[in-house]
């Protein structure tokens, strides 16, 4: 079972997560439009500290294709994770990024709000290399980072409806990730809010991460 952890904010944190067995070490990258975004330069420093056993993932919340092209060109992450709302960044625009930026591994974040989310997920099948299913609040221009779960039965339907690997997110932590895996049977799991420290700093609680990794890795992937 693949494990992905967000939001890494320092080289030291990235190194520690890799050493705990986290497969995808994720950094929120941007120009400051969204809270806690790291600059491309800081993201490069964080990525340089990730152990070779792990993969660097750049989460970009912007829907500005020109900005995305620039950030991808400068950062060259192993995985480009696109988190803008799906009505602001369409499959055609994702394909445009792939054409203009050269070889890319793309993870597309999908809002899970109801059965209509299945068709949204399918629209990126063949355009994205990975899907990440996350909770969404109507009106938000980005998907996720709410710290709440959604309907895992819909996640399961999406896993069965697409051909590419699916990572599930949305309020997952050490105490519920096993139940989520059992219900959805995804390729991987993602955690941000519920593996943060409780002090509001948005830094990672390494003991929570250790427990999350242990729970996830004890379950088979799809």
Foldseek 3Di string as FASTA:
>chain_A
DAEEEDDAQALVLQLLLLVLPHAEYEHEADDCPDPPHDHLVRLLRNQVSHDPNHFYEYEYQDLPLVRVLVSCQSNVGQEYEYWFACVSHDLVSLQVSCVVNDDHAYEYEFEDDDLVSLVRLQRCAVSHQEYEYEHADPPDRGTHPPLADDDLLSLQVSQVRGDHFYEYEYNDWLVCVLVSCVSRQGQYYYYQPRQCDPPPPSHGDSVRSSSNCVSGVVDDHD
